[in-house]
């Protein structure tokens, strides 16, 4: 019984370690006002703090206290033969960890 509990606790701690390894940017200060548009069309992200992140997203708190969610997936809109937009999206892609880290480093002014 004790051995079984130990295994459960060990695996839970291991899973938590894996999750927190992906959140190494928490607490970093953003110095770029636009962040490549991943948070929309705002230009007031200077001095925002990263408060959470995942493989496909990042969450920041702006200086005024507003929390913003940035989706780091990229996609293309489906288009008709004449180039007009049609229903749905295609080519949904998740950004690699390396590319995500490069972006965050550039936003925080570290190259």
PDB file of N, CA and C in Angstrom:
ATOM      1  N   UNK A   1       0.810  -1.189   0.000  1.00  0.00           N
ATOM      2  CA  UNK A   1       0.000   0.000   0.000  1.00  0.00           C
ATOM      3  C   UNK A   1       0.864   1.269   0.000  1.00  0.00           C
ATOM      4  N   UNK A   2       1.903   1.281   0.850  1.00  0.00           N
ATOM      5  CA  UNK A   2       2.778   2.450   0.915  1.00  0.00           C
ATOM      6  C   UNK A   2       3.532   2.622  -0.393  1.00  0.00           C
ATOM      7  N   UNK A   3       4.016   1.542  -0.978  1.00  0.00           N
ATOM      8  CA  UNK A   3       4.731   1.602  -2.247  1.00  0.00           C
ATOM      9  C   UNK A   3       3.839   2.177  -3.345  1.00  0.00           C
ATOM     10  N   UNK A   4       2.571   1.798  -3.369  1.00  0.00           N
ATOM     11  CA  UNK A   4       1.631   2.303  -4.359  1.00  0.00           C
ATOM     12  C   UNK A   4       1.430   3.812  -4.190  1.00  0.00           C
ATOM     13  N   UNK A   5       1.294   4.282  -2.950  1.00  0.00           N
ATOM     14  CA  UNK A   5       1.135   5.714  -2.699  1.00  0.00           C
ATOM     15  C   UNK A   5       2.382   6.476  -3.135  1.00  0.00           C
ATOM     16  N   UNK A   6       3.536   5.904  -2.848  1.00  0.00           N
ATOM     17  CA  UNK A   6       4.787   6.535  -3.261  1.00  0.00           C
ATOM     18  C   UNK A   6       4.823   6.707  -4.773  1.00  0.00           C
ATOM     19  N   UNK A   7       4.435   5.676  -5.506  1.00  0.00           N
ATOM     20  CA  UNK A   7       4.437   5.754  -6.977  1.00  0.00           C
ATOM     21  C   UNK A   7       3.484   6.830  -7.473  1.00  0.00           C
ATOM     22  N   UNK A   8       2.309   6.932  -6.873  1.00  0.00           N
ATOM     23  CA  UNK A   8       1.339   7.950  -7.282  1.00  0.00           C
ATOM     24  C   UNK A   8       1.906   9.343  -7.033  1.00  0.00           C
ATOM     25  N   UNK A   9       2.452   9.573  -5.844  1.00  0.00           N
ATOM     26  CA  UNK A   9       3.024  10.882  -5.514  1.00  0.00           C
ATOM     27  C   UNK A   9       4.194  11.197  -6.441  1.00  0.00           C
ATOM     28  N   UNK A  10       5.056  10.230  -6.685  1.00  0.00           N
ATOM     29  CA  UNK A  10       6.198  10.434  -7.570  1.00  0.00           C
ATOM     30  C   UNK A  10       5.741  10.878  -8.961  1.00  0.00           C
ATOM     31  N   UNK A  11       4.752  10.202  -9.524  1.00  0.00           N
ATOM     32  CA  UNK A  11       4.277  10.535 -10.867  1.00  0.00           C
ATOM     33  C   UNK A  11       3.603  11.894 -10.898  1.00  0.00           C
ATOM     34  N   UNK A  12       2.867  12.257  -9.856  1.00  0.00           N
ATOM     35  CA  UNK A  12       2.250  13.585  -9.801  1.00  0.00           C
ATOM     36  C   UNK A  12       3.312  14.677  -9.751  1.00  0.00           C
ATOM     37  N   UNK A  13       4.338  14.478  -8.934  1.00  0.00           N
ATOM     38  CA  UNK A  13       5.421  15.461  -8.862  1.00  0.00           C
ATOM     39  C   UNK A  13       6.161  15.570 -10.184  1.00  0.00           C
ATOM     40  N   UNK A  14       6.376  14.449 -10.848  1.00  0.00           N
ATOM     41  CA  UNK A  14       7.049  14.463 -12.145  1.00  0.00           C
ATOM     42  C   UNK A  14       6.224  15.239 -13.172  1.00  0.00           C
ATOM     43  N   UNK A  15       4.911  15.031 -13.198  1.00  0.00           N
ATOM     44  CA  UNK A  15       4.043  15.750 -14.130  1.00  0.00           C
ATOM     45  C   UNK A  15       4.059  17.239 -13.842  1.00  0.00           C
ATOM     46  N   UNK A  16       4.043  17.622 -12.567  1.00  0.00           N
ATOM     47  CA  UNK A  16       4.104  19.038 -12.208  1.00  0.00           C
ATOM     48  C   UNK A  16       5.429  19.649 -12.657  1.00  0.00           C
ATOM     49  N   UNK A  17       6.519  18.922 -12.480  1.00  0.00           N
ATOM     50  CA  UNK A  17       7.831  19.401 -12.920  1.00  0.00           C
ATOM     51  C   UNK A  17       7.823  19.667 -14.420  1.00  0.00           C
ATOM     52  N   UNK A  18       7.241  18.765 -15.197  1.00  0.00           N
ATOM     53  CA  UNK A  18       7.185  18.957 -16.645  1.00  0.00           C
ATOM     54  C   UNK A  18       6.373  20.191 -17.002  1.00  0.00           C
ATOM     55  N   UNK A  19       5.261  20.418 -16.317  1.00  0.00           N
ATOM     56  CA  UNK A  19       4.433  21.571 -16.617  1.00  0.00           C
ATOM     57  C   UNK A  19       5.163  22.871 -16.291  1.00  0.00           C
ATOM     58  N   UNK A  20       5.858  22.931 -15.140  1.00  0.00           N
ATOM     59  CA  UNK A  20       6.521  24.151 -14.751  1.00  0.00           C
ATOM     60  C   UNK A  20       7.781  24.418 -15.557  1.00  0.00           C
ATOM     61  N   UNK A  21       8.398  23.401 -16.129  1.00  0.00           N
ATOM     62  CA  UNK A  21       9.543  23.634 -17.006  1.00  0.00           C
ATOM     63  C   UNK A  21       9.129  24.457 -18.215  1.00  0.00           C
ATOM     64  N   UNK A  22       7.885  24.302 -18.654  1.00  0.00           N
ATOM     65  CA  UNK A  22       7.386  25.048 -19.806  1.00  0.00           C
ATOM     66  C   UNK A  22       6.974  26.466 -19.432  1.00  0.00           C
ATOM     67  N   UNK A  23       7.021  26.830 -18.142  1.00  0.00           N
ATOM     68  CA  UNK A  23       6.585  28.142 -17.696  1.00  0.00           C
ATOM     69  C   UNK A  23       7.771  28.957 -17.184  1.00  0.00           C
ATOM     70  N   UNK A  24       8.879  28.889 -17.879  1.00  0.00           N
ATOM     71  CA  UNK A  24      10.101  29.542 -17.422  1.00  0.00           C
ATOM     72  C   UNK A  24      10.103  31.049 -17.630  1.00  0.00           C
ATOM     73  N   UNK A  25       9.129  31.582 -18.344  1.00  0.00           N
ATOM     74  CA  UNK A  25       9.096  33.015 -18.627  1.00  0.00           C
ATOM     75  C   UNK A  25       8.223  33.812 -17.666  1.00  0.00           C
ATOM     76  N   UNK A  26       7.603  33.161 -16.721  1.00  0.00           N
ATOM     77  CA  UNK A  26       6.725  33.855 -15.778  1.00  0.00           C
ATOM     78  C   UNK A  26       7.537  34.866 -14.978  1.00  0.00           C
ATOM     79  N   UNK A  27       6.984  36.075 -14.882  1.00  0.00           N
ATOM     80  CA  UNK A  27       7.639  37.150 -14.148  1.00  0.00           C
ATOM     81  C   UNK A  27       8.489  38.055 -15.008  1.00  0.00           C
ATOM     82  N   UNK A  28       8.731  37.684 -16.248  1.00  0.00           N
ATOM     83  CA  UNK A  28       9.532  38.530 -17.134  1.00  0.00           C
ATOM     84  C   UNK A  28       8.728  39.752 -17.555  1.00  0.00           C
ATOM     85  N   UNK A  29       9.426  40.859 -17.761  1.00  0.00           N
ATOM     86  CA  UNK A  29       8.811  42.135 -18.128  1.00  0.00           C
ATOM     87  C   UNK A  29       8.943  42.336 -19.635  1.00  0.00           C
ATOM     88  N   UNK A  30       7.836  42.653 -20.271  1.00  0.00           N
ATOM     89  CA  UNK A  30       7.828  42.901 -21.719  1.00  0.00           C
ATOM     90  C   UNK A  30       8.190  44.353 -21.982  1.00  0.00           C
ATOM     91  N   UNK A  31       9.136  44.576 -22.890  1.00  0.00           N
ATOM     92  CA  UNK A  31       9.581  45.919 -23.229  1.00  0.00           C
ATOM     93  C   UNK A  31       9.138  46.334 -24.621  1.00  0.00           C
ATOM     94  N   UNK A  32       8.533  45.408 -25.357  1.00  0.00           N
ATOM     95  CA  UNK A  32       8.051  45.656 -26.715  1.00  0.00           C
ATOM     96  C   UNK A  32       6.575  46.036 -26.621  1.00  0.00           C
ATOM     97  N   UNK A  33       6.184  47.141 -27.215  1.00  0.00           N
ATOM     98  CA  UNK A  33       4.812  47.608 -27.081  1.00  0.00           C
ATOM     99  C   UNK A  33       3.789  46.851 -27.899  1.00  0.00           C
ATOM    100  N   UNK A  34       4.202  46.070 -28.886  1.00  0.00           N
ATOM    101  CA  UNK A  34       3.255  45.441 -29.819  1.00  0.00           C
ATOM    102  C   UNK A  34       3.248  43.924 -29.751  1.00  0.00           C
ATOM    103  N   UNK A  35       4.352  43.287 -29.433  1.00  0.00           N
ATOM    104  CA  UNK A  35       4.460  41.822 -29.319  1.00  0.00           C
ATOM    105  C   UNK A  35       4.042  41.087 -30.587  1.00  0.00           C
ATOM    106  N   UNK A  36       4.468  41.593 -31.721  1.00  0.00           N
ATOM    107  CA  UNK A  36       4.207  40.977 -33.022  1.00  0.00           C
ATOM    108  C   UNK A  36       2.728  40.749 -33.302  1.00  0.00           C
ATOM    109  N   UNK A  37       1.853  41.440 -32.618  1.00  0.00           N
ATOM    110  CA  UNK A  37       0.417  41.321 -32.871  1.00  0.00           C
ATOM    111  C   UNK A  37      -0.255  40.110 -32.256  1.00  0.00           C
ATOM    112  N   UNK A  38       0.453  39.327 -31.459  1.00  0.00           N
ATOM    113  CA  UNK A  38      -0.153  38.126 -30.880  1.00  0.00           C
ATOM    114  C   UNK A  38      -1.225  38.443 -29.841  1.00  0.00           C
ATOM    115  N   UNK A  39      -1.273  39.685 -29.362  1.00  0.00           N
ATOM    116  CA  UNK A  39      -2.296  40.071 -28.395  1.00  0.00           C
ATOM    117  C   UNK A  39      -3.322  41.016 -29.003  1.00  0.00           C
ATOM    118  N   UNK A  40      -3.378  41.081 -30.299  1.00  0.00           N
ATOM    119  CA  UNK A  40      -4.329  41.971 -30.957  1.00  0.00           C
ATOM    120  C   UNK A  40      -3.631  43.208 -31.488  1.00  0.00           C
ATOM    121  N   UNK A  41      -4.412  44.253 -31.727  1.00  0.00           N
ATOM    122  CA  UNK A  41      -3.883  45.448 -32.373  1.00  0.00           C
ATOM    123  C   UNK A  41      -3.438  46.514 -31.386  1.00  0.00           C
ATOM    124  N   UNK A  42      -3.400  46.201 -30.104  1.00  0.00           N
ATOM    125  CA  UNK A  42      -2.947  47.172 -29.111  1.00  0.00           C
ATOM    126  C   UNK A  42      -1.442  47.389 -29.223  1.00  0.00           C
ATOM    127  N   UNK A  43      -1.007  48.571 -28.806  1.00  0.00           N
ATOM    128  CA  UNK A  43       0.410  48.910 -28.812  1.00  0.00           C
ATOM    129  C   UNK A  43       0.898  49.296 -27.417  1.00  0.00           C
ATOM    130  N   UNK A  44       0.156  48.925 -26.395  1.00  0.00           N
ATOM    131  CA  UNK A  44       0.484  49.377 -25.039  1.00  0.00           C
ATOM    132  C   UNK A  44       0.881  48.225 -24.113  1.00  0.00           C
ATOM    133  N   UNK A  45       1.722  47.327 -24.592  1.00  0.00           N
ATOM    134  CA  UNK A  45       2.136  46.184 -23.782  1.00  0.00           C
ATOM    135  C   UNK A  45       3.483  46.408 -23.088  1.00  0.00           C
ATOM    136  N   UNK A  46       4.060  47.596 -23.259  1.00  0.00           N
ATOM    137  CA  UNK A  46       5.320  47.919 -22.606  1.00  0.00           C
ATOM    138  C   UNK A  46       5.140  47.822 -21.087  1.00  0.00           C
ATOM    139  N   UNK A  47       6.077  47.168 -20.415  1.00  0.00           N
ATOM    140  CA  UNK A  47       6.064  46.943 -18.961  1.00  0.00           C
ATOM    141  C   UNK A  47       4.991  45.959 -18.497  1.00  0.00           C
ATOM    142  N   UNK A  48       4.433  45.180 -19.401  1.00  0.00           N
ATOM    143  CA  UNK A  48       3.511  44.107 -19.000  1.00  0.00           C
ATOM    144  C   UNK A  48       4.324  42.959 -18.422  1.00  0.00           C
ATOM    145  N   UNK A  49       3.697  42.180 -17.538  1.00  0.00           N
ATOM    146  CA  UNK A  49       4.365  41.064 -16.876  1.00  0.00           C
ATOM    147  C   UNK A  49       3.750  39.762 -17.361  1.00  0.00           C
ATOM    148  N   UNK A  50       4.583  38.786 -17.701  1.00  0.00           N
ATOM    149  CA  UNK A  50       4.100  37.466 -18.091  1.00  0.00           C
ATOM    150  C   UNK A  50       3.648  36.740 -16.828  1.00  0.00           C
ATOM    151  N   UNK A  51       2.373  36.318 -16.799  1.00  0.00           N
ATOM    152  CA  UNK A  51       1.848  35.667 -15.596  1.00  0.00           C
ATOM    153  C   UNK A  51       1.545  34.186 -15.806  1.00  0.00           C
ATOM    154  N   UNK A  52       1.479  33.722 -17.048  1.00  0.00           N
ATOM    155  CA  UNK A  52       1.261  32.294 -17.330  1.00  0.00           C
ATOM    156  C   UNK A  52       1.662  32.018 -18.766  1.00  0.00           C
ATOM    157  N   UNK A  53       1.993  30.762 -19.031  1.00  0.00           N
ATOM    158  CA  UNK A  53       2.292  30.367 -20.404  1.00  0.00           C
ATOM    159  C   UNK A  53       2.099  28.875 -20.565  1.00  0.00           C
ATOM    160  N   UNK A  54       1.864  28.499 -21.785  1.00  0.00           N
ATOM    161  CA  UNK A  54       1.751  27.099 -22.152  1.00  0.00           C
ATOM    162  C   UNK A  54       2.424  26.903 -23.492  1.00  0.00           C
ATOM    163  N   UNK A  55       2.268  25.734 -24.060  1.00  0.00           N
ATOM    164  CA  UNK A  55       2.899  25.472 -25.349  1.00  0.00           C
ATOM    165  C   UNK A  55       2.328  26.347 -26.456  1.00  0.00           C
ATOM    166  N   UNK A  56       1.051  26.715 -26.341  1.00  0.00           N
ATOM    167  CA  UNK A  56       0.387  27.430 -27.432  1.00  0.00           C
ATOM    168  C   UNK A  56      -0.187  28.780 -27.014  1.00  0.00           C
ATOM    169  N   UNK A  57       0.143  29.254 -25.816  1.00  0.00           N
ATOM    170  CA  UNK A  57      -0.418  30.517 -25.363  1.00  0.00           C
ATOM    171  C   UNK A  57       0.524  31.197 -24.377  1.00  0.00           C
ATOM    172  N   UNK A  58       0.245  32.474 -24.151  1.00  0.00           N
ATOM    173  CA  UNK A  58       0.936  33.253 -23.127  1.00  0.00           C
ATOM    174  C   UNK A  58      -0.086  34.233 -22.555  1.00  0.00           C
ATOM    175  N   UNK A  59      -0.008  34.481 -21.256  1.00  0.00           N
ATOM    176  CA  UNK A  59      -0.926  35.395 -20.580  1.00  0.00           C
ATOM    177  C   UNK A  59      -0.083  36.468 -19.909  1.00  0.00           C
ATOM    178  N   UNK A  60      -0.484  37.731 -20.104  1.00  0.00           N
ATOM    179  CA  UNK A  60       0.247  38.850 -19.510  1.00  0.00           C
ATOM    180  C   UNK A  60      -0.714  39.742 -18.736  1.00  0.00           C
ATOM    181  N   UNK A  61      -0.148  40.480 -17.781  1.00  0.00           N
ATOM    182  CA  UNK A  61      -0.898  41.510 -17.068  1.00  0.00           C
ATOM    183  C   UNK A  61      -0.279  42.848 -17.439  1.00  0.00           C
ATOM    184  N   UNK A  62      -1.112  43.711 -18.038  1.00  0.00           N
ATOM    185  CA  UNK A  62      -0.637  45.017 -18.455  1.00  0.00           C
ATOM    186  C   UNK A  62      -0.457  45.930 -17.240  1.00  0.00           C
ATOM    187  N   UNK A  63       0.212  47.051 -17.432  1.00  0.00           N
ATOM    188  CA  UNK A  63       0.457  47.991 -16.332  1.00  0.00           C
ATOM    189  C   UNK A  63      -0.831  48.466 -15.680  1.00  0.00           C
ATOM    190  N   UNK A  64      -1.904  48.585 -16.464  1.00  0.00           N
ATOM    191  CA  UNK A  64      -3.181  49.046 -15.918  1.00  0.00           C
ATOM    192  C   UNK A  64      -3.975  47.929 -15.238  1.00  0.00           C
ATOM    193  N   UNK A  65      -3.397  46.706 -15.166  1.00  0.00           N
ATOM    194  CA  UNK A  65      -4.044  45.596 -14.471  1.00  0.00           C
ATOM    195  C   UNK A  65      -4.852  44.669 -15.363  1.00  0.00           C
ATOM    196  N   UNK A  66      -5.067  45.043 -16.605  1.00  0.00           N
ATOM    197  CA  UNK A  66      -5.845  44.210 -17.521  1.00  0.00           C
ATOM    198  C   UNK A  66      -5.021  42.988 -17.922  1.00  0.00           C
ATOM    199  N   UNK A  67      -5.664  41.831 -17.914  1.00  0.00           N
ATOM    200  CA  UNK A  67      -5.012  40.582 -18.297  1.00  0.00           C
ATOM    201  C   UNK A  67      -5.341  40.288 -19.755  1.00  0.00           C
ATOM    202  N   UNK A  68      -4.310  39.976 -20.526  1.00  0.00           N
ATOM    203  CA  UNK A  68      -4.468  39.682 -21.952  1.00  0.00           C
ATOM    204  C   UNK A  68      -3.963  38.275 -22.250  1.00  0.00           C
ATOM    205  N   UNK A  69      -4.642  37.585 -23.159  1.00  0.00           N
ATOM    206  CA  UNK A  69      -4.310  36.232 -23.578  1.00  0.00           C
ATOM    207  C   UNK A  69      -3.792  36.284 -25.004  1.00  0.00           C
ATOM    208  N   UNK A  70      -2.632  35.699 -25.244  1.00  0.00           N
ATOM    209  CA  UNK A  70      -2.070  35.640 -26.582  1.00  0.00           C
ATOM    210  C   UNK A  70      -2.001  34.214 -27.083  1.00  0.00           C
ATOM    211  N   UNK A  71      -2.629  33.962 -28.211  1.00  0.00           N
ATOM    212  CA  UNK A  71      -2.642  32.638 -28.828  1.00  0.00           C
ATOM    213  C   UNK A  71      -1.465  32.562 -29.792  1.00  0.00           C
ATOM    214  N   UNK A  72      -0.564  31.606 -29.583  1.00  0.00           N
ATOM    215  CA  UNK A  72       0.646  31.506 -30.395  1.00  0.00           C
ATOM    216  C   UNK A  72       0.518  30.507 -31.537  1.00  0.00           C
ATOM    217  N   UNK A  73      -0.701  30.174 -31.901  1.00  0.00           N
ATOM    218  CA  UNK A  73      -0.911  29.333 -33.071  1.00  0.00           C
ATOM    219  C   UNK A  73      -1.004  30.233 -34.299  1.00  0.00           C
ATOM    220  N   UNK A  74      -0.657  29.695 -35.449  1.00  0.00           N
ATOM    221  CA  UNK A  74      -0.804  30.452 -36.684  1.00  0.00           C
ATOM    222  C   UNK A  74      -1.705  29.663 -37.638  1.00  0.00           C
ATOM    223  N   UNK A  75      -2.395  30.393 -38.490  1.00  0.00           N
ATOM    224  CA  UNK A  75      -3.280  29.744 -39.436  1.00  0.00           C
ATOM    225  C   UNK A  75      -3.510  30.652 -40.637  1.00  0.00           C
ATOM    226  N   UNK A  76      -4.082  30.085 -41.650  1.00  0.00           N
ATOM    227  CA  UNK A  76      -4.483  30.836 -42.842  1.00  0.00           C
ATOM    228  C   UNK A  76      -5.987  30.714 -42.975  1.00  0.00           C
ATOM    229  N   UNK A  77      -6.623  31.787 -43.403  1.00  0.00           N
ATOM    230  CA  UNK A  77      -8.051  31.715 -43.694  1.00  0.00           C
ATOM    231  C   UNK A  77      -8.244  30.986 -45.019  1.00  0.00           C
ATOM    232  N   UNK A  78      -9.269  30.155 -45.084  1.00  0.00           N
ATOM    233  CA  UNK A  78      -9.616  29.524 -46.361  1.00  0.00           C
ATOM    234  C   UNK A  78     -10.095  30.597 -47.327  1.00  0.00           C
ATOM    235  N   UNK A  79      -9.692  30.472 -48.556  1.00  0.00           N
ATOM    236  CA  UNK A  79     -10.076  31.466 -49.563  1.00  0.00           C
ATOM    237  C   UNK A  79     -10.715  30.787 -50.765  1.00  0.00           C
ATOM    238  N   UNK A  80     -11.600  31.524 -51.412  1.00  0.00           N
ATOM    239  CA  UNK A  80     -12.213  31.069 -52.656  1.00  0.00           C
ATOM    240  C   UNK A  80     -11.208  31.254 -53.793  1.00  0.00           C
ATOM    241  N   UNK A  81     -11.542  30.733 -54.978  1.00  0.00           N
ATOM    242  CA  UNK A  81     -10.647  30.854 -56.131  1.00  0.00           C
ATOM    243  C   UNK A  81     -10.340  32.303 -56.484  1.00  0.00           C
ATOM    244  N   UNK A  82     -11.286  33.216 -56.211  1.00  0.00           N
ATOM    245  CA  UNK A  82     -11.067  34.623 -56.536  1.00  0.00           C
ATOM    246  C   UNK A  82     -10.326  35.385 -55.420  1.00  0.00           C
ATOM    247  N   UNK A  83      -9.940  34.670 -54.351  1.00  0.00           N
ATOM    248  CA  UNK A  83      -9.177  35.292 -53.277  1.00  0.00           C
ATOM    249  C   UNK A  83      -9.990  35.811 -52.114  1.00  0.00           C
ATOM    250  N   UNK A  84     -11.314  35.798 -52.246  1.00  0.00           N
ATOM    251  CA  UNK A  84     -12.150  36.261 -51.141  1.00  0.00           C
ATOM    252  C   UNK A  84     -12.167  35.215 -50.029  1.00  0.00           C
ATOM    253  N   UNK A  85     -12.403  35.679 -48.825  1.00  0.00           N
ATOM    254  CA  UNK A  85     -12.431  34.778 -47.675  1.00  0.00           C
ATOM    255  C   UNK A  85     -13.647  33.866 -47.721  1.00  0.00           C
ATOM    256  N   UNK A  86     -13.436  32.623 -47.368  1.00  0.00           N
ATOM    257  CA  UNK A  86     -14.537  31.674 -47.255  1.00  0.00           C
ATOM    258  C   UNK A  86     -14.602  31.201 -45.810  1.00  0.00           C
ATOM    259  N   UNK A  87     -15.441  30.260 -45.532  1.00  0.00           N
ATOM    260  CA  UNK A  87     -15.659  29.784 -44.172  1.00  0.00           C
ATOM    261  C   UNK A  87     -14.480  28.946 -43.684  1.00  0.00           C
ATOM    262  N   UNK A  88     -14.034  29.165 -42.453  1.00  0.00           N
ATOM    263  CA  UNK A  88     -13.074  28.276 -41.808  1.00  0.00           C
ATOM    264  C   UNK A  88     -11.630  28.681 -41.970  1.00  0.00           C
ATOM    265  N   UNK A  89     -10.779  27.907 -41.334  1.00  0.00           N
ATOM    266  CA  UNK A  89      -9.350  28.152 -41.386  1.00  0.00           C
ATOM    267  C   UNK A  89      -8.639  26.894 -41.845  1.00  0.00           C
ATOM    268  N   UNK A  90      -7.417  27.062 -42.311  1.00  0.00           N
ATOM    269  CA  UNK A  90      -6.616  25.920 -42.737  1.00  0.00           C
ATOM    270  C   UNK A  90      -5.179  26.127 -42.279  1.00  0.00           C
ATOM    271  N   UNK A  91      -4.400  25.113 -42.414  1.00  0.00           N
ATOM    272  CA  UNK A  91      -2.979  25.168 -42.080  1.00  0.00           C
ATOM    273  C   UNK A  91      -2.729  25.586 -40.635  1.00  0.00           C
ATOM    274  N   UNK A  92      -3.560  25.088 -39.719  1.00  0.00           N
ATOM    275  CA  UNK A  92      -3.356  25.396 -38.311  1.00  0.00           C
ATOM    276  C   UNK A  92      -2.030  24.804 -37.860  1.00  0.00           C
ATOM    277  N   UNK A  93      -1.173  25.650 -37.301  1.00  0.00           N
ATOM    278  CA  UNK A  93       0.158  25.207 -36.883  1.00  0.00           C
ATOM    279  C   UNK A  93       0.459  25.741 -35.488  1.00  0.00           C
ATOM    280  N   UNK A  94       1.101  24.922 -34.707  1.00  0.00           N
ATOM    281  CA  UNK A  94       1.575  25.351 -33.406  1.00  0.00           C
ATOM    282  C   UNK A  94       3.027  25.773 -33.536  1.00  0.00           C
ATOM    283  N   UNK A  95       3.388  26.809 -32.841  1.00  0.00           N
ATOM    284  CA  UNK A  95       4.746  27.329 -32.884  1.00  0.00           C
ATOM    285  C   UNK A  95       5.676  26.397 -32.102  1.00  0.00           C
ATOM    286  N   UNK A  96       6.880  26.229 -32.573  1.00  0.00           N
ATOM    287  CA  UNK A  96       7.850  25.407 -31.849  1.00  0.00           C
ATOM    288  C   UNK A  96       8.256  26.123 -30.560  1.00  0.00           C
ATOM    289  N   UNK A  97       8.732  25.362 -29.590  1.00  0.00           N
ATOM    290  CA  UNK A  97       9.188  25.964 -28.331  1.00  0.00           C
ATOM    291  C   UNK A  97      10.342  26.931 -28.569  1.00  0.00           C
ATOM    292  N   UNK A  98      11.225  26.574 -29.489  1.00  0.00           N
ATOM    293  CA  UNK A  98      12.369  27.433 -29.778  1.00  0.00           C
ATOM    294  C   UNK A  98      11.925  28.780 -30.355  1.00  0.00           C
ATOM    295  N   UNK A  99      10.990  28.737 -31.305  1.00  0.00           N
ATOM    296  CA  UNK A  99      10.489  29.968 -31.912  1.00  0.00           C
ATOM    297  C   UNK A  99       9.740  30.809 -30.880  1.00  0.00           C
ATOM    298  N   UNK A 100       8.930  30.153 -30.043  1.00  0.00           N
ATOM    299  CA  UNK A 100       8.212  30.864 -28.986  1.00  0.00           C
ATOM    300  C   UNK A 100       9.194  31.566 -28.059  1.00  0.00           C
ATOM    301  N   UNK A 101      10.257  30.871 -27.674  1.00  0.00           N
ATOM    302  CA  UNK A 101      11.239  31.460 -26.771  1.00  0.00           C
ATOM    303  C   UNK A 101      11.965  32.620 -27.431  1.00  0.00           C
ATOM    304  N   UNK A 102      12.282  32.500 -28.719  1.00  0.00           N
ATOM    305  CA  UNK A 102      12.913  33.606 -29.450  1.00  0.00           C
ATOM    306  C   UNK A 102      12.021  34.842 -29.444  1.00  0.00           C
ATOM    307  N   UNK A 103      10.712  34.640 -29.680  1.00  0.00           N
ATOM    308  CA  UNK A 103       9.776  35.758 -29.666  1.00  0.00           C
ATOM    309  C   UNK A 103       9.725  36.424 -28.300  1.00  0.00           C
ATOM    310  N   UNK A 104       9.574  35.627 -27.252  1.00  0.00           N
ATOM    311  CA  UNK A 104       9.476  36.183 -25.904  1.00  0.00           C
ATOM    312  C   UNK A 104      10.765  36.908 -25.532  1.00  0.00           C
ATOM    313  N   UNK A 105      11.908  36.337 -25.893  1.00  0.00           N
ATOM    314  CA  UNK A 105      13.185  37.014 -25.624  1.00  0.00           C
ATOM    315  C   UNK A 105      13.246  38.357 -26.328  1.00  0.00           C
ATOM    316  N   UNK A 106      12.760  38.423 -27.562  1.00  0.00           N
ATOM    317  CA  UNK A 106      12.787  39.692 -28.295  1.00  0.00           C
ATOM    318  C   UNK A 106      11.817  40.699 -27.670  1.00  0.00           C
ATOM    319  N   UNK A 107      10.666  40.242 -27.173  1.00  0.00           N
ATOM    320  CA  UNK A 107       9.722  41.140 -26.525  1.00  0.00           C
ATOM    321  C   UNK A 107      10.281  41.694 -25.216  1.00  0.00           C
ATOM    322  N   UNK A 108      11.079  40.895 -24.533  1.00  0.00           N
ATOM    323  CA  UNK A 108      11.631  41.306 -23.239  1.00  0.00           C
ATOM    324  C   UNK A 108      12.976  42.014 -23.399  1.00  0.00           C
ATOM    325  N   UNK A 109      13.417  42.201 -24.619  1.00  0.00           N
ATOM    326  CA  UNK A 109      14.628  42.944 -24.889  1.00  0.00           C
ATOM    327  C   UNK A 109      15.913  42.174 -24.694  1.00  0.00           C
ATOM    328  N   UNK A 110      15.823  40.846 -24.685  1.00  0.00           N
ATOM    329  CA  UNK A 110      17.012  40.028 -24.504  1.00  0.00           C
ATOM    330  C   UNK A 110      17.258  39.244 -25.791  1.00  0.00           C
ATOM    331  N   UNK A 111      18.403  39.438 -26.373  1.00  0.00           N
ATOM    332  CA  UNK A 111      18.699  38.796 -27.656  1.00  0.00           C
ATOM    333  C   UNK A 111      19.808  37.813 -27.524  1.00  0.00           C
TER     334      UNK A 111
END
